[in-house]
N, C-alpha and C. Protein backbone atom coordinates (compact mmCIF):
# COMPACT_ATOMS: atom_id res chain seq x y z
N MET A 1 97.30 73.68 80.95
CA MET A 1 96.64 74.77 81.64
C MET A 1 96.22 75.81 80.60
N ASN A 2 94.97 76.20 80.65
CA ASN A 2 94.51 77.23 79.73
C ASN A 2 94.72 78.63 80.32
N LYS A 3 94.47 79.64 79.53
CA LYS A 3 94.73 81.03 79.94
C LYS A 3 93.92 81.41 81.18
N GLU A 4 92.67 81.02 81.22
CA GLU A 4 91.80 81.35 82.34
C GLU A 4 92.34 80.76 83.66
N GLU A 5 92.75 79.50 83.61
CA GLU A 5 93.32 78.85 84.80
C GLU A 5 94.62 79.52 85.21
N PHE A 6 95.45 79.84 84.22
CA PHE A 6 96.72 80.50 84.51
C PHE A 6 96.49 81.83 85.22
N LEU A 7 95.58 82.65 84.71
CA LEU A 7 95.33 83.96 85.30
C LEU A 7 94.80 83.82 86.73
N LYS A 8 93.94 82.84 86.97
CA LYS A 8 93.43 82.63 88.32
C LYS A 8 94.54 82.16 89.25
N ASP A 9 95.36 81.24 88.78
CA ASP A 9 96.45 80.71 89.60
C ASP A 9 97.46 81.78 89.95
N ILE A 10 97.89 82.52 88.96
CA ILE A 10 98.92 83.53 89.22
C ILE A 10 98.35 84.69 90.03
N GLY A 11 97.11 85.04 89.79
CA GLY A 11 96.47 86.09 90.58
C GLY A 11 96.34 85.71 92.04
N PHE A 12 95.97 84.46 92.29
CA PHE A 12 95.86 83.98 93.67
C PHE A 12 97.23 83.94 94.33
N ALA A 13 98.25 83.55 93.59
CA ALA A 13 99.62 83.52 94.12
C ALA A 13 100.09 84.93 94.48
N ILE A 14 99.76 85.90 93.66
CA ILE A 14 100.10 87.30 93.97
C ILE A 14 99.39 87.72 95.25
N LYS A 15 98.13 87.36 95.37
CA LYS A 15 97.38 87.70 96.58
C LYS A 15 98.01 87.07 97.82
N ILE A 16 98.41 85.81 97.73
CA ILE A 16 99.05 85.13 98.86
C ILE A 16 100.31 85.87 99.28
N GLU A 17 101.14 86.20 98.30
CA GLU A 17 102.40 86.90 98.60
C GLU A 17 102.14 88.29 99.18
N ARG A 18 101.13 88.96 98.68
CA ARG A 18 100.77 90.28 99.22
C ARG A 18 100.33 90.16 100.68
N MET A 19 99.50 89.18 100.95
CA MET A 19 98.99 88.99 102.31
C MET A 19 100.10 88.52 103.26
N ARG A 20 101.01 87.68 102.77
CA ARG A 20 102.14 87.25 103.61
C ARG A 20 102.97 88.45 104.06
N ARG A 21 103.01 89.45 103.23
CA ARG A 21 103.80 90.64 103.54
C ARG A 21 102.98 91.71 104.26
N LYS A 22 101.71 91.36 104.53
CA LYS A 22 100.80 92.28 105.23
C LYS A 22 100.68 93.64 104.51
N ILE A 23 100.53 93.54 103.20
CA ILE A 23 100.35 94.73 102.37
C ILE A 23 98.91 94.73 101.86
N SER A 24 98.24 95.84 101.98
CA SER A 24 96.88 95.95 101.47
C SER A 24 96.91 96.08 99.95
N GLN A 25 95.76 95.84 99.35
CA GLN A 25 95.66 96.05 97.90
C GLN A 25 95.95 97.51 97.57
N GLU A 26 95.48 98.41 98.41
CA GLU A 26 95.71 99.83 98.19
C GLU A 26 97.20 100.15 98.18
N LYS A 27 97.93 99.59 99.13
CA LYS A 27 99.37 99.85 99.22
C LYS A 27 100.10 99.24 98.02
N LEU A 28 99.70 98.02 97.63
CA LEU A 28 100.32 97.39 96.47
C LEU A 28 100.07 98.21 95.21
N ALA A 29 98.86 98.73 95.08
CA ALA A 29 98.54 99.59 93.93
C ALA A 29 99.46 100.81 93.91
N GLU A 30 99.63 101.42 95.07
CA GLU A 30 100.50 102.59 95.17
C GLU A 30 101.96 102.24 94.85
N LEU A 31 102.46 101.15 95.43
CA LEU A 31 103.86 100.76 95.23
C LEU A 31 104.16 100.35 93.79
N SER A 32 103.17 99.77 93.13
CA SER A 32 103.38 99.28 91.76
C SER A 32 102.91 100.25 90.69
N ASP A 33 102.37 101.38 91.12
CA ASP A 33 101.85 102.38 90.20
C ASP A 33 100.77 101.80 89.29
N CYS A 34 99.89 101.01 89.90
CA CYS A 34 98.72 100.45 89.21
C CYS A 34 97.48 100.90 89.99
N SER A 35 96.34 100.83 89.37
CA SER A 35 95.12 101.23 90.08
C SER A 35 94.67 100.12 91.02
N LEU A 36 93.94 100.52 92.03
CA LEU A 36 93.41 99.57 93.00
C LEU A 36 92.51 98.54 92.31
N SER A 37 91.65 99.00 91.41
CA SER A 37 90.74 98.07 90.73
C SER A 37 91.53 97.08 89.87
N TYR A 38 92.61 97.54 89.25
CA TYR A 38 93.45 96.66 88.43
C TYR A 38 94.07 95.55 89.28
N ILE A 39 94.56 95.89 90.47
CA ILE A 39 95.13 94.89 91.38
C ILE A 39 94.05 93.87 91.75
N GLY A 40 92.86 94.33 92.03
CA GLY A 40 91.75 93.42 92.36
C GLY A 40 91.43 92.49 91.20
N PHE A 41 91.36 93.03 89.99
CA PHE A 41 91.09 92.20 88.81
C PHE A 41 92.17 91.13 88.65
N ILE A 42 93.42 91.51 88.84
CA ILE A 42 94.52 90.56 88.69
C ILE A 42 94.43 89.47 89.75
N GLU A 43 94.22 89.85 91.00
CA GLU A 43 94.16 88.86 92.08
C GLU A 43 93.00 87.89 91.90
N ARG A 44 91.94 88.33 91.29
CA ARG A 44 90.79 87.43 91.04
C ARG A 44 90.92 86.68 89.72
N GLY A 45 91.97 86.97 88.97
CA GLY A 45 92.18 86.30 87.69
C GLY A 45 91.22 86.76 86.61
N GLU A 46 90.71 87.96 86.74
CA GLU A 46 89.71 88.47 85.81
C GLU A 46 90.29 89.30 84.68
N LYS A 47 91.58 89.59 84.75
CA LYS A 47 92.18 90.47 83.75
C LYS A 47 93.58 89.97 83.41
N SER A 48 93.89 89.99 82.13
CA SER A 48 95.25 89.72 81.67
C SER A 48 96.11 90.91 82.03
N PHE A 49 97.40 90.68 82.15
CA PHE A 49 98.29 91.78 82.45
C PHE A 49 99.58 91.61 81.68
N SER A 50 100.23 92.73 81.46
CA SER A 50 101.46 92.72 80.67
C SER A 50 102.64 92.28 81.54
N LEU A 51 103.69 91.87 80.88
CA LEU A 51 104.92 91.53 81.58
C LEU A 51 105.42 92.74 82.36
N TYR A 52 105.30 93.91 81.77
CA TYR A 52 105.72 95.15 82.42
C TYR A 52 105.00 95.34 83.76
N ASN A 53 103.67 95.17 83.77
CA ASN A 53 102.92 95.32 85.02
C ASN A 53 103.22 94.20 86.00
N PHE A 54 103.46 92.99 85.49
CA PHE A 54 103.83 91.88 86.36
C PHE A 54 105.16 92.18 87.05
N ILE A 55 106.09 92.75 86.32
CA ILE A 55 107.39 93.12 86.91
C ILE A 55 107.20 94.23 87.95
N LYS A 56 106.36 95.23 87.65
CA LYS A 56 106.11 96.29 88.61
C LYS A 56 105.50 95.74 89.90
N ILE A 57 104.56 94.81 89.78
CA ILE A 57 103.91 94.22 90.96
C ILE A 57 104.91 93.35 91.72
N SER A 58 105.67 92.55 91.01
CA SER A 58 106.64 91.67 91.69
C SER A 58 107.73 92.51 92.37
N ASN A 59 108.15 93.61 91.76
CA ASN A 59 109.13 94.49 92.41
C ASN A 59 108.55 95.11 93.67
N ALA A 60 107.30 95.51 93.61
CA ALA A 60 106.64 96.10 94.78
C ALA A 60 106.56 95.08 95.93
N LEU A 61 106.41 93.81 95.57
CA LEU A 61 106.34 92.75 96.58
C LEU A 61 107.72 92.17 96.91
N LYS A 62 108.75 92.69 96.23
CA LYS A 62 110.13 92.21 96.40
C LYS A 62 110.24 90.71 96.12
N LEU A 63 109.64 90.33 94.99
CA LEU A 63 109.65 88.94 94.56
C LEU A 63 110.66 88.75 93.43
N ASP A 64 111.37 87.64 93.46
CA ASP A 64 112.19 87.23 92.33
C ASP A 64 111.24 86.48 91.39
N LEU A 65 111.11 86.95 90.15
CA LEU A 65 110.12 86.37 89.23
C LEU A 65 110.31 84.88 89.00
N SER A 66 111.52 84.44 88.77
CA SER A 66 111.73 83.02 88.47
C SER A 66 111.40 82.16 89.69
N GLU A 67 111.79 82.60 90.87
CA GLU A 67 111.47 81.85 92.10
C GLU A 67 109.96 81.83 92.33
N PHE A 68 109.32 82.97 92.10
CA PHE A 68 107.87 83.07 92.28
C PHE A 68 107.15 82.09 91.35
N LEU A 69 107.50 82.12 90.07
CA LEU A 69 106.84 81.25 89.10
C LEU A 69 107.11 79.77 89.39
N ASP A 70 108.32 79.46 89.82
CA ASP A 70 108.65 78.08 90.17
C ASP A 70 107.91 77.65 91.42
N LYS A 71 107.87 78.49 92.43
CA LYS A 71 107.19 78.18 93.70
C LYS A 71 105.72 77.85 93.48
N TYR A 72 105.08 78.62 92.64
CA TYR A 72 103.64 78.43 92.41
C TYR A 72 103.34 77.61 91.15
N LYS A 73 104.38 77.03 90.56
CA LYS A 73 104.24 76.14 89.39
C LYS A 73 103.47 76.82 88.27
N CYS A 74 103.79 78.07 88.04
CA CYS A 74 103.10 78.84 87.00
C CYS A 74 103.80 78.76 85.66
N LEU A 75 104.93 78.07 85.60
CA LEU A 75 105.65 77.97 84.32
C LEU A 75 105.10 76.87 83.47
């Protein structure tokens, strides 16, 4: 898997988890202390993100990182 595919896959997985929890992009941005446009870029796989921001987003979604990555085969 190349970087582009990884970013699209993980971004889509974040979007799925956000939607399962019925959280808007705006609310996720607020909860994770990220901008709305940044959340959109991530969900579309258009932007790389740091581990720090990934942890902030996963905490906002109440996701266990290892379970999330295993569930979506992102490892």
